[in-house]
């Protein structure tokens, strides 16, 4: 889902929604938007996200400057950090 966040970031795919994404879809921008939404959700629930937000801002600056590979690495780091967080659920403590 984090590789091609179709339908989660308010963009219109260039082809059918259930088809394999085409190369002309801007995956990086959509991944940045997904990371921003996830961080916003965590922050609204009281979780600390300052480190990840700074990394996301760095990714956005790199993308704006045309350094797409650097931006991709930075957003990968944000999404990996989010993936490694403990998950809330039955019998789990979600107060970290």
PDB file of N, CA and C in Angstrom:
ATOM      1  N   UNK A   1       0.813  -1.184   0.000  1.00  0.00           N
ATOM      2  CA  UNK A   1       0.000   0.000   0.000  1.00  0.00           C
ATOM      3  C   UNK A   1       0.866   1.260   0.000  1.00  0.00           C
ATOM      4  N   UNK A   2       1.985   1.258   0.709  1.00  0.00           N
ATOM      5  CA  UNK A   2       2.796   2.474   0.757  1.00  0.00           C
ATOM      6  C   UNK A   2       3.556   2.715  -0.539  1.00  0.00           C
ATOM      7  N   UNK A   3       3.694   1.688  -1.367  1.00  0.00           N
ATOM      8  CA  UNK A   3       4.380   1.880  -2.645  1.00  0.00           C
ATOM      9  C   UNK A   3       3.500   2.626  -3.637  1.00  0.00           C
ATOM     10  N   UNK A   4       2.229   2.280  -3.726  1.00  0.00           N
ATOM     11  CA  UNK A   4       1.268   2.912  -4.643  1.00  0.00           C
ATOM     12  C   UNK A   4       0.001   3.206  -3.860  1.00  0.00           C
ATOM     13  N   UNK A   5      -0.027   4.289  -3.076  1.00  0.00           N
ATOM     14  CA  UNK A   5      -1.170   4.543  -2.190  1.00  0.00           C
ATOM     15  C   UNK A   5      -2.399   5.067  -2.926  1.00  0.00           C
ATOM     16  N   UNK A   6      -2.875   4.298  -3.879  1.00  0.00           N
ATOM     17  CA  UNK A   6      -4.039   4.711  -4.662  1.00  0.00           C
ATOM     18  C   UNK A   6      -5.284   4.782  -3.783  1.00  0.00           C
ATOM     19  N   UNK A   7      -6.043   5.867  -3.976  1.00  0.00           N
ATOM     20  CA  UNK A   7      -7.298   6.017  -3.266  1.00  0.00           C
ATOM     21  C   UNK A   7      -7.151   6.543  -1.851  1.00  0.00           C
ATOM     22  N   UNK A   8      -5.949   6.642  -1.348  1.00  0.00           N
ATOM     23  CA  UNK A   8      -5.745   7.110   0.017  1.00  0.00           C
ATOM     24  C   UNK A   8      -5.244   8.541   0.073  1.00  0.00           C
ATOM     25  N   UNK A   9      -4.849   9.090  -1.046  1.00  0.00           N
ATOM     26  CA  UNK A   9      -4.219  10.410  -1.017  1.00  0.00           C
ATOM     27  C   UNK A   9      -4.916  11.419  -1.922  1.00  0.00           C
ATOM     28  N   UNK A  10      -6.165  11.142  -2.287  1.00  0.00           N
ATOM     29  CA  UNK A  10      -6.976  12.075  -3.066  1.00  0.00           C
ATOM     30  C   UNK A  10      -6.381  12.406  -4.427  1.00  0.00           C
ATOM     31  N   UNK A  11      -5.892  11.428  -5.141  1.00  0.00           N
ATOM     32  CA  UNK A  11      -5.460  11.682  -6.504  1.00  0.00           C
ATOM     33  C   UNK A  11      -6.205  10.748  -7.426  1.00  0.00           C
ATOM     34  N   UNK A  12      -6.274  11.159  -8.665  1.00  0.00           N
ATOM     35  CA  UNK A  12      -6.973  10.374  -9.664  1.00  0.00           C
ATOM     36  C   UNK A  12      -5.932   9.582 -10.444  1.00  0.00           C
ATOM     37  N   UNK A  13      -6.048   8.260 -10.449  1.00  0.00           N
ATOM     38  CA  UNK A  13      -5.082   7.459 -11.200  1.00  0.00           C
ATOM     39  C   UNK A  13      -5.215   7.719 -12.697  1.00  0.00           C
ATOM     40  N   UNK A  14      -4.153   7.473 -13.427  1.00  0.00           N
ATOM     41  CA  UNK A  14      -4.190   7.719 -14.861  1.00  0.00           C
ATOM     42  C   UNK A  14      -4.929   6.625 -15.617  1.00  0.00           C
ATOM     43  N   UNK A  15      -5.174   5.497 -14.968  1.00  0.00           N
ATOM     44  CA  UNK A  15      -5.908   4.397 -15.592  1.00  0.00           C
ATOM     45  C   UNK A  15      -6.997   3.927 -14.652  1.00  0.00           C
ATOM     46  N   UNK A  16      -7.566   2.760 -14.933  1.00  0.00           N
ATOM     47  CA  UNK A  16      -8.594   2.218 -14.043  1.00  0.00           C
ATOM     48  C   UNK A  16      -8.054   2.038 -12.622  1.00  0.00           C
ATOM     49  N   UNK A  17      -8.901   2.279 -11.646  1.00  0.00           N
ATOM     50  CA  UNK A  17      -8.481   2.245 -10.245  1.00  0.00           C
ATOM     51  C   UNK A  17      -7.925   0.888  -9.824  1.00  0.00           C
ATOM     52  N   UNK A  18      -8.394  -0.195 -10.437  1.00  0.00           N
ATOM     53  CA  UNK A  18      -7.926  -1.515 -10.030  1.00  0.00           C
ATOM     54  C   UNK A  18      -6.806  -2.058 -10.921  1.00  0.00           C
ATOM     55  N   UNK A  19      -6.336  -1.242 -11.860  1.00  0.00           N
ATOM     56  CA  UNK A  19      -5.262  -1.666 -12.759  1.00  0.00           C
ATOM     57  C   UNK A  19      -3.898  -1.376 -12.146  1.00  0.00           C
ATOM     58  N   UNK A  20      -2.872  -2.007 -12.675  1.00  0.00           N
ATOM     59  CA  UNK A  20      -1.508  -1.721 -12.252  1.00  0.00           C
ATOM     60  C   UNK A  20      -1.204  -0.262 -12.577  1.00  0.00           C
ATOM     61  N   UNK A  21      -0.672   0.493 -11.611  1.00  0.00           N
ATOM     62  CA  UNK A  21      -0.380   1.906 -11.864  1.00  0.00           C
ATOM     63  C   UNK A  21       0.603   2.079 -13.023  1.00  0.00           C
ATOM     64  N   UNK A  22       0.377   3.114 -13.794  1.00  0.00           N
ATOM     65  CA  UNK A  22       1.280   3.389 -14.903  1.00  0.00           C
ATOM     66  C   UNK A  22       2.453   4.221 -14.417  1.00  0.00           C
ATOM     67  N   UNK A  23       3.486   4.264 -15.218  1.00  0.00           N
ATOM     68  CA  UNK A  23       4.700   5.000 -14.849  1.00  0.00           C
ATOM     69  C   UNK A  23       4.480   6.504 -14.767  1.00  0.00           C
ATOM     70  N   UNK A  24       3.414   7.029 -15.392  1.00  0.00           N
ATOM     71  CA  UNK A  24       3.211   8.479 -15.354  1.00  0.00           C
ATOM     72  C   UNK A  24       2.498   8.957 -14.092  1.00  0.00           C
ATOM     73  N   UNK A  25       2.073   8.036 -13.220  1.00  0.00           N
ATOM     74  CA  UNK A  25       1.514   8.457 -11.946  1.00  0.00           C
ATOM     75  C   UNK A  25       2.652   8.898 -11.031  1.00  0.00           C
ATOM     76  N   UNK A  26       2.453   9.989 -10.338  1.00  0.00           N
ATOM     77  CA  UNK A  26       3.498  10.544  -9.476  1.00  0.00           C
ATOM     78  C   UNK A  26       3.477   9.851  -8.122  1.00  0.00           C
ATOM     79  N   UNK A  27       4.102   8.709  -8.075  1.00  0.00           N
ATOM     80  CA  UNK A  27       4.127   7.884  -6.873  1.00  0.00           C
ATOM     81  C   UNK A  27       4.765   8.621  -5.690  1.00  0.00           C
ATOM     82  N   UNK A  28       5.842   9.340  -5.930  1.00  0.00           N
ATOM     83  CA  UNK A  28       6.542  10.019  -4.842  1.00  0.00           C
ATOM     84  C   UNK A  28       5.640  11.032  -4.139  1.00  0.00           C
ATOM     85  N   UNK A  29       4.973  11.876  -4.900  1.00  0.00           N
ATOM     86  CA  UNK A  29       4.101  12.880  -4.296  1.00  0.00           C
ATOM     87  C   UNK A  29       2.978  12.224  -3.516  1.00  0.00           C
ATOM     88  N   UNK A  30       2.428  11.147  -4.045  1.00  0.00           N
ATOM     89  CA  UNK A  30       1.353  10.444  -3.353  1.00  0.00           C
ATOM     90  C   UNK A  30       1.858   9.766  -2.077  1.00  0.00           C
ATOM     91  N   UNK A  31       3.071   9.250  -2.096  1.00  0.00           N
ATOM     92  CA  UNK A  31       3.646   8.641  -0.894  1.00  0.00           C
ATOM     93  C   UNK A  31       3.916   9.704   0.166  1.00  0.00           C
ATOM     94  N   UNK A  32       4.354  10.891  -0.255  1.00  0.00           N
ATOM     95  CA  UNK A  32       4.543  11.998   0.686  1.00  0.00           C
ATOM     96  C   UNK A  32       3.210  12.378   1.329  1.00  0.00           C
ATOM     97  N   UNK A  33       2.158  12.424   0.534  1.00  0.00           N
ATOM     98  CA  UNK A  33       0.838  12.772   1.054  1.00  0.00           C
ATOM     99  C   UNK A  33       0.347  11.706   2.027  1.00  0.00           C
ATOM    100  N   UNK A  34       0.573  10.444   1.711  1.00  0.00           N
ATOM    101  CA  UNK A  34       0.178   9.364   2.611  1.00  0.00           C
ATOM    102  C   UNK A  34       0.921   9.482   3.940  1.00  0.00           C
ATOM    103  N   UNK A  35       2.226   9.711   3.886  1.00  0.00           N
ATOM    104  CA  UNK A  35       3.014   9.846   5.114  1.00  0.00           C
ATOM    105  C   UNK A  35       2.506  11.027   5.943  1.00  0.00           C
ATOM    106  N   UNK A  36       2.187  12.136   5.280  1.00  0.00           N
ATOM    107  CA  UNK A  36       1.679  13.309   6.003  1.00  0.00           C
ATOM    108  C   UNK A  36       0.363  12.989   6.694  1.00  0.00           C
ATOM    109  N   UNK A  37      -0.519  12.272   6.018  1.00  0.00           N
ATOM    110  CA  UNK A  37      -1.806  11.914   6.626  1.00  0.00           C
ATOM    111  C   UNK A  37      -1.621  10.989   7.825  1.00  0.00           C
ATOM    112  N   UNK A  38      -0.740  10.010   7.680  1.00  0.00           N
ATOM    113  CA  UNK A  38      -0.502   9.088   8.787  1.00  0.00           C
ATOM    114  C   UNK A  38       0.091   9.815   9.990  1.00  0.00           C
ATOM    115  N   UNK A  39       1.027  10.719   9.731  1.00  0.00           N
ATOM    116  CA  UNK A  39       1.619  11.485  10.829  1.00  0.00           C
ATOM    117  C   UNK A  39       0.584  12.387  11.486  1.00  0.00           C
ATOM    118  N   UNK A  40      -0.274  12.988  10.671  1.00  0.00           N
ATOM    119  CA  UNK A  40      -1.340  13.823  11.222  1.00  0.00           C
ATOM    120  C   UNK A  40      -2.278  13.028  12.118  1.00  0.00           C
ATOM    121  N   UNK A  41      -2.595  11.826  11.704  1.00  0.00           N
ATOM    122  CA  UNK A  41      -3.455  10.961  12.508  1.00  0.00           C
ATOM    123  C   UNK A  41      -2.783  10.622  13.835  1.00  0.00           C
ATOM    124  N   UNK A  42      -1.519  10.218  13.776  1.00  0.00           N
ATOM    125  CA  UNK A  42      -0.807   9.882  15.007  1.00  0.00           C
ATOM    126  C   UNK A  42      -0.713  11.084  15.943  1.00  0.00           C
ATOM    127  N   UNK A  43      -0.402  12.245  15.377  1.00  0.00           N
ATOM    128  CA  UNK A  43      -0.295  13.456  16.201  1.00  0.00           C
ATOM    129  C   UNK A  43      -1.644  13.772  16.856  1.00  0.00           C
ATOM    130  N   UNK A  44      -2.734  13.614  16.100  1.00  0.00           N
ATOM    131  CA  UNK A  44      -4.063  13.917  16.653  1.00  0.00           C
ATOM    132  C   UNK A  44      -4.417  12.975  17.798  1.00  0.00           C
ATOM    133  N   UNK A  45      -3.780  11.820  17.844  1.00  0.00           N
ATOM    134  CA  UNK A  45      -4.013  10.859  18.921  1.00  0.00           C
ATOM    135  C   UNK A  45      -3.010  11.026  20.059  1.00  0.00           C
ATOM    136  N   UNK A  46      -2.166  12.056  19.971  1.00  0.00           N
ATOM    137  CA  UNK A  46      -1.240  12.362  21.042  1.00  0.00           C
ATOM    138  C   UNK A  46       0.108  11.665  20.961  1.00  0.00           C
ATOM    139  N   UNK A  47       0.391  11.002  19.852  1.00  0.00           N
ATOM    140  CA  UNK A  47       1.675  10.322  19.701  1.00  0.00           C
ATOM    141  C   UNK A  47       2.755  11.316  19.265  1.00  0.00           C
ATOM    142  N   UNK A  48       3.973  11.162  19.758  1.00  0.00           N
ATOM    143  CA  UNK A  48       5.069  12.038  19.326  1.00  0.00           C
ATOM    144  C   UNK A  48       5.493  11.679  17.904  1.00  0.00           C
ATOM    145  N   UNK A  49       5.541  12.680  17.042  1.00  0.00           N
ATOM    146  CA  UNK A  49       5.926  12.441  15.647  1.00  0.00           C
ATOM    147  C   UNK A  49       6.920  13.486  15.132  1.00  0.00           C
ATOM    148  N   UNK A  50       7.532  14.242  16.043  1.00  0.00           N
ATOM    149  CA  UNK A  50       8.417  15.336  15.623  1.00  0.00           C
ATOM    150  C   UNK A  50       9.563  14.859  14.739  1.00  0.00           C
ATOM    151  N   UNK A  51      10.190  13.758  15.082  1.00  0.00           N
ATOM    152  CA  UNK A  51      11.318  13.244  14.293  1.00  0.00           C
ATOM    153  C   UNK A  51      10.863  12.896  12.875  1.00  0.00           C
ATOM    154  N   UNK A  52       9.737  12.209  12.772  1.00  0.00           N
ATOM    155  CA  UNK A  52       9.230  11.815  11.466  1.00  0.00           C
ATOM    156  C   UNK A  52       8.757  13.017  10.653  1.00  0.00           C
ATOM    157  N   UNK A  53       8.169  14.013  11.339  1.00  0.00           N
ATOM    158  CA  UNK A  53       7.744  15.223  10.632  1.00  0.00           C
ATOM    159  C   UNK A  53       8.933  15.962  10.040  1.00  0.00           C
ATOM    160  N   UNK A  54      10.016  16.039  10.768  1.00  0.00           N
ATOM    161  CA  UNK A  54      11.211  16.704  10.237  1.00  0.00           C
ATOM    162  C   UNK A  54      11.749  15.942   9.033  1.00  0.00           C
ATOM    163  N   UNK A  55      11.741  14.633   9.114  1.00  0.00           N
ATOM    164  CA  UNK A  55      12.189  13.817   7.988  1.00  0.00           C
ATOM    165  C   UNK A  55      11.257  14.003   6.781  1.00  0.00           C
ATOM    166  N   UNK A  56       9.951  14.112   7.028  1.00  0.00           N
ATOM    167  CA  UNK A  56       9.000  14.351   5.943  1.00  0.00           C
ATOM    168  C   UNK A  56       9.235  15.725   5.316  1.00  0.00           C
ATOM    169  N   UNK A  57       9.479  16.719   6.135  1.00  0.00           N
ATOM    170  CA  UNK A  57       9.770  18.066   5.594  1.00  0.00           C
ATOM    171  C   UNK A  57      11.024  18.043   4.724  1.00  0.00           C
ATOM    172  N   UNK A  58      12.041  17.307   5.153  1.00  0.00           N
ATOM    173  CA  UNK A  58      13.260  17.172   4.352  1.00  0.00           C
ATOM    174  C   UNK A  58      12.950  16.497   3.015  1.00  0.00           C
ATOM    175  N   UNK A  59      12.095  15.500   3.042  1.00  0.00           N
ATOM    176  CA  UNK A  59      11.700  14.821   1.801  1.00  0.00           C
ATOM    177  C   UNK A  59      10.967  15.777   0.876  1.00  0.00           C
ATOM    178  N   UNK A  60      10.078  16.576   1.431  1.00  0.00           N
ATOM    179  CA  UNK A  60       9.328  17.532   0.618  1.00  0.00           C
ATOM    180  C   UNK A  60      10.249  18.603   0.030  1.00  0.00           C
ATOM    181  N   UNK A  61      11.227  19.059   0.814  1.00  0.00           N
ATOM    182  CA  UNK A  61      12.184  20.041   0.285  1.00  0.00           C
ATOM    183  C   UNK A  61      13.013  19.435  -0.850  1.00  0.00           C
ATOM    184  N   UNK A  62      13.441  18.197  -0.670  1.00  0.00           N
ATOM    185  CA  UNK A  62      14.228  17.527  -1.706  1.00  0.00           C
ATOM    186  C   UNK A  62      13.412  17.359  -2.981  1.00  0.00           C
ATOM    187  N   UNK A  63      12.147  16.964  -2.854  1.00  0.00           N
ATOM    188  CA  UNK A  63      11.291  16.817  -4.043  1.00  0.00           C
ATOM    189  C   UNK A  63      11.108  18.148  -4.747  1.00  0.00           C
ATOM    190  N   UNK A  64      10.867  19.205  -3.970  1.00  0.00           N
ATOM    191  CA  UNK A  64      10.668  20.531  -4.558  1.00  0.00           C
ATOM    192  C   UNK A  64      11.922  21.024  -5.280  1.00  0.00           C
ATOM    193  N   UNK A  65      13.086  20.583  -4.801  1.00  0.00           N
ATOM    194  CA  UNK A  65      14.351  20.986  -5.430  1.00  0.00           C
ATOM    195  C   UNK A  65      14.737  20.059  -6.583  1.00  0.00           C
ATOM    196  N   UNK A  66      13.890  19.073  -6.870  1.00  0.00           N
ATOM    197  CA  UNK A  66      14.176  18.169  -7.982  1.00  0.00           C
ATOM    198  C   UNK A  66      15.059  16.990  -7.623  1.00  0.00           C
ATOM    199  N   UNK A  67      15.319  16.803  -6.350  1.00  0.00           N
ATOM    200  CA  UNK A  67      16.159  15.682  -5.903  1.00  0.00           C
ATOM    201  C   UNK A  67      15.255  14.518  -5.506  1.00  0.00           C
ATOM    202  N   UNK A  68      14.670  13.893  -6.509  1.00  0.00           N
ATOM    203  CA  UNK A  68      13.646  12.868  -6.289  1.00  0.00           C
ATOM    204  C   UNK A  68      14.194  11.632  -5.567  1.00  0.00           C
ATOM    205  N   UNK A  69      15.396  11.207  -5.899  1.00  0.00           N
ATOM    206  CA  UNK A  69      15.958  10.021  -5.237  1.00  0.00           C
ATOM    207  C   UNK A  69      16.147  10.288  -3.742  1.00  0.00           C
ATOM    208  N   UNK A  70      16.635  11.470  -3.408  1.00  0.00           N
ATOM    209  CA  UNK A  70      16.803  11.845  -1.997  1.00  0.00           C
ATOM    210  C   UNK A  70      15.451  11.912  -1.296  1.00  0.00           C
ATOM    211  N   UNK A  71      14.462  12.481  -1.971  1.00  0.00           N
ATOM    212  CA  UNK A  71      13.118  12.567  -1.405  1.00  0.00           C
ATOM    213  C   UNK A  71      12.531  11.177  -1.191  1.00  0.00           C
ATOM    214  N   UNK A  72      12.741  10.293  -2.136  1.00  0.00           N
ATOM    215  CA  UNK A  72      12.219   8.926  -2.019  1.00  0.00           C
ATOM    216  C   UNK A  72      12.856   8.209  -0.834  1.00  0.00           C
ATOM    217  N   UNK A  73      14.161   8.370  -0.659  1.00  0.00           N
ATOM    218  CA  UNK A  73      14.830   7.736   0.485  1.00  0.00           C
ATOM    219  C   UNK A  73      14.282   8.284   1.801  1.00  0.00           C
ATOM    220  N   UNK A  74      14.059   9.591   1.845  1.00  0.00           N
ATOM    221  CA  UNK A  74      13.563  10.211   3.077  1.00  0.00           C
ATOM    222  C   UNK A  74      12.143   9.748   3.402  1.00  0.00           C
ATOM    223  N   UNK A  75      11.268   9.699   2.413  1.00  0.00           N
ATOM    224  CA  UNK A  75       9.898   9.255   2.683  1.00  0.00           C
ATOM    225  C   UNK A  75       9.888   7.762   2.998  1.00  0.00           C
ATOM    226  N   UNK A  76      10.793   6.997   2.398  1.00  0.00           N
ATOM    227  CA  UNK A  76      10.921   5.586   2.774  1.00  0.00           C
ATOM    228  C   UNK A  76      11.241   5.470   4.259  1.00  0.00           C
ATOM    229  N   UNK A  77      12.142   6.331   4.741  1.00  0.00           N
ATOM    230  CA  UNK A  77      12.503   6.317   6.153  1.00  0.00           C
ATOM    231  C   UNK A  77      11.323   6.643   7.054  1.00  0.00           C
ATOM    232  N   UNK A  78      10.521   7.612   6.640  1.00  0.00           N
ATOM    233  CA  UNK A  78       9.330   7.969   7.426  1.00  0.00           C
ATOM    234  C   UNK A  78       8.373   6.788   7.484  1.00  0.00           C
ATOM    235  N   UNK A  79       8.082   6.207   6.322  1.00  0.00           N
ATOM    236  CA  UNK A  79       7.132   5.091   6.282  1.00  0.00           C
ATOM    237  C   UNK A  79       7.664   3.871   7.030  1.00  0.00           C
ATOM    238  N   UNK A  80       8.967   3.633   6.959  1.00  0.00           N
ATOM    239  CA  UNK A  80       9.554   2.516   7.720  1.00  0.00           C
ATOM    240  C   UNK A  80       9.446   2.771   9.218  1.00  0.00           C
ATOM    241  N   UNK A  81       9.678   4.017   9.644  1.00  0.00           N
ATOM    242  CA  UNK A  81       9.552   4.350  11.064  1.00  0.00           C
ATOM    243  C   UNK A  81       8.116   4.142  11.534  1.00  0.00           C
ATOM    244  N   UNK A  82       7.162   4.523  10.702  1.00  0.00           N
ATOM    245  CA  UNK A  82       5.763   4.317  11.065  1.00  0.00           C
ATOM    246  C   UNK A  82       5.420   2.834  11.109  1.00  0.00           C
ATOM    247  N   UNK A  83       5.951   2.087  10.169  1.00  0.00           N
ATOM    248  CA  UNK A  83       5.691   0.642  10.121  1.00  0.00           C
ATOM    249  C   UNK A  83       6.254  -0.062  11.353  1.00  0.00           C
ATOM    250  N   UNK A  84       7.353   0.435  11.884  1.00  0.00           N
ATOM    251  CA  UNK A  84       7.994  -0.236  13.020  1.00  0.00           C
ATOM    252  C   UNK A  84       7.368   0.136  14.367  1.00  0.00           C
ATOM    253  N   UNK A  85       6.468   1.100  14.379  1.00  0.00           N
ATOM    254  CA  UNK A  85       5.805   1.475  15.635  1.00  0.00           C
ATOM    255  C   UNK A  85       4.900   0.344  16.097  1.00  0.00           C
ATOM    256  N   UNK A  86       4.794   0.170  17.404  1.00  0.00           N
ATOM    257  CA  UNK A  86       3.850  -0.838  17.918  1.00  0.00           C
ATOM    258  C   UNK A  86       2.435  -0.487  17.474  1.00  0.00           C
ATOM    259  N   UNK A  87       1.670  -1.499  17.179  1.00  0.00           N
ATOM    260  CA  UNK A  87       0.299  -1.286  16.718  1.00  0.00           C
ATOM    261  C   UNK A  87      -0.676  -1.394  17.882  1.00  0.00           C
ATOM    262  N   UNK A  88      -1.690  -0.550  17.830  1.00  0.00           N
ATOM    263  CA  UNK A  88      -2.755  -0.620  18.832  1.00  0.00           C
ATOM    264  C   UNK A  88      -3.714  -1.722  18.440  1.00  0.00           C
ATOM    265  N   UNK A  89      -4.366  -2.267  19.390  1.00  0.00           N
ATOM    266  CA  UNK A  89      -5.361  -3.296  19.114  1.00  0.00           C
ATOM    267  C   UNK A  89      -5.712  -4.035  20.384  1.00  0.00           C
ATOM    268  N   UNK A  90      -6.571  -5.035  20.269  1.00  0.00           N
ATOM    269  CA  UNK A  90      -6.980  -5.785  21.458  1.00  0.00           C
ATOM    270  C   UNK A  90      -5.783  -6.330  22.218  1.00  0.00           C
ATOM    271  N   UNK A  91      -5.696  -6.014  23.476  1.00  0.00           N
ATOM    272  CA  UNK A  91      -4.615  -6.528  24.303  1.00  0.00           C
ATOM    273  C   UNK A  91      -3.284  -5.834  24.096  1.00  0.00           C
ATOM    274  N   UNK A  92      -3.265  -4.774  23.304  1.00  0.00           N
ATOM    275  CA  UNK A  92      -1.999  -4.060  23.058  1.00  0.00           C
ATOM    276  C   UNK A  92      -2.083  -2.685  23.673  1.00  0.00           C
ATOM    277  N   UNK A  93      -0.968  -2.225  24.151  1.00  0.00           N
ATOM    278  CA  UNK A  93      -0.891  -0.893  24.728  1.00  0.00           C
ATOM    279  C   UNK A  93      -0.566   0.091  23.631  1.00  0.00           C
ATOM    280  N   UNK A  94      -1.464   1.045  23.374  1.00  0.00           N
ATOM    281  CA  UNK A  94      -1.238   2.005  22.306  1.00  0.00           C
ATOM    282  C   UNK A  94      -0.858   3.375  22.847  1.00  0.00           C
ATOM    283  N   UNK A  95      -0.246   3.419  24.017  1.00  0.00           N
ATOM    284  CA  UNK A  95       0.083   4.696  24.645  1.00  0.00           C
ATOM    285  C   UNK A  95       1.550   5.067  24.484  1.00  0.00           C
ATOM    286  N   UNK A  96       2.295   4.440  23.590  1.00  0.00           N
ATOM    287  CA  UNK A  96       3.735   4.719  23.476  1.00  0.00           C
ATOM    288  C   UNK A  96       4.028   6.121  23.014  1.00  0.00           C
TER     289      UNK A  96
END
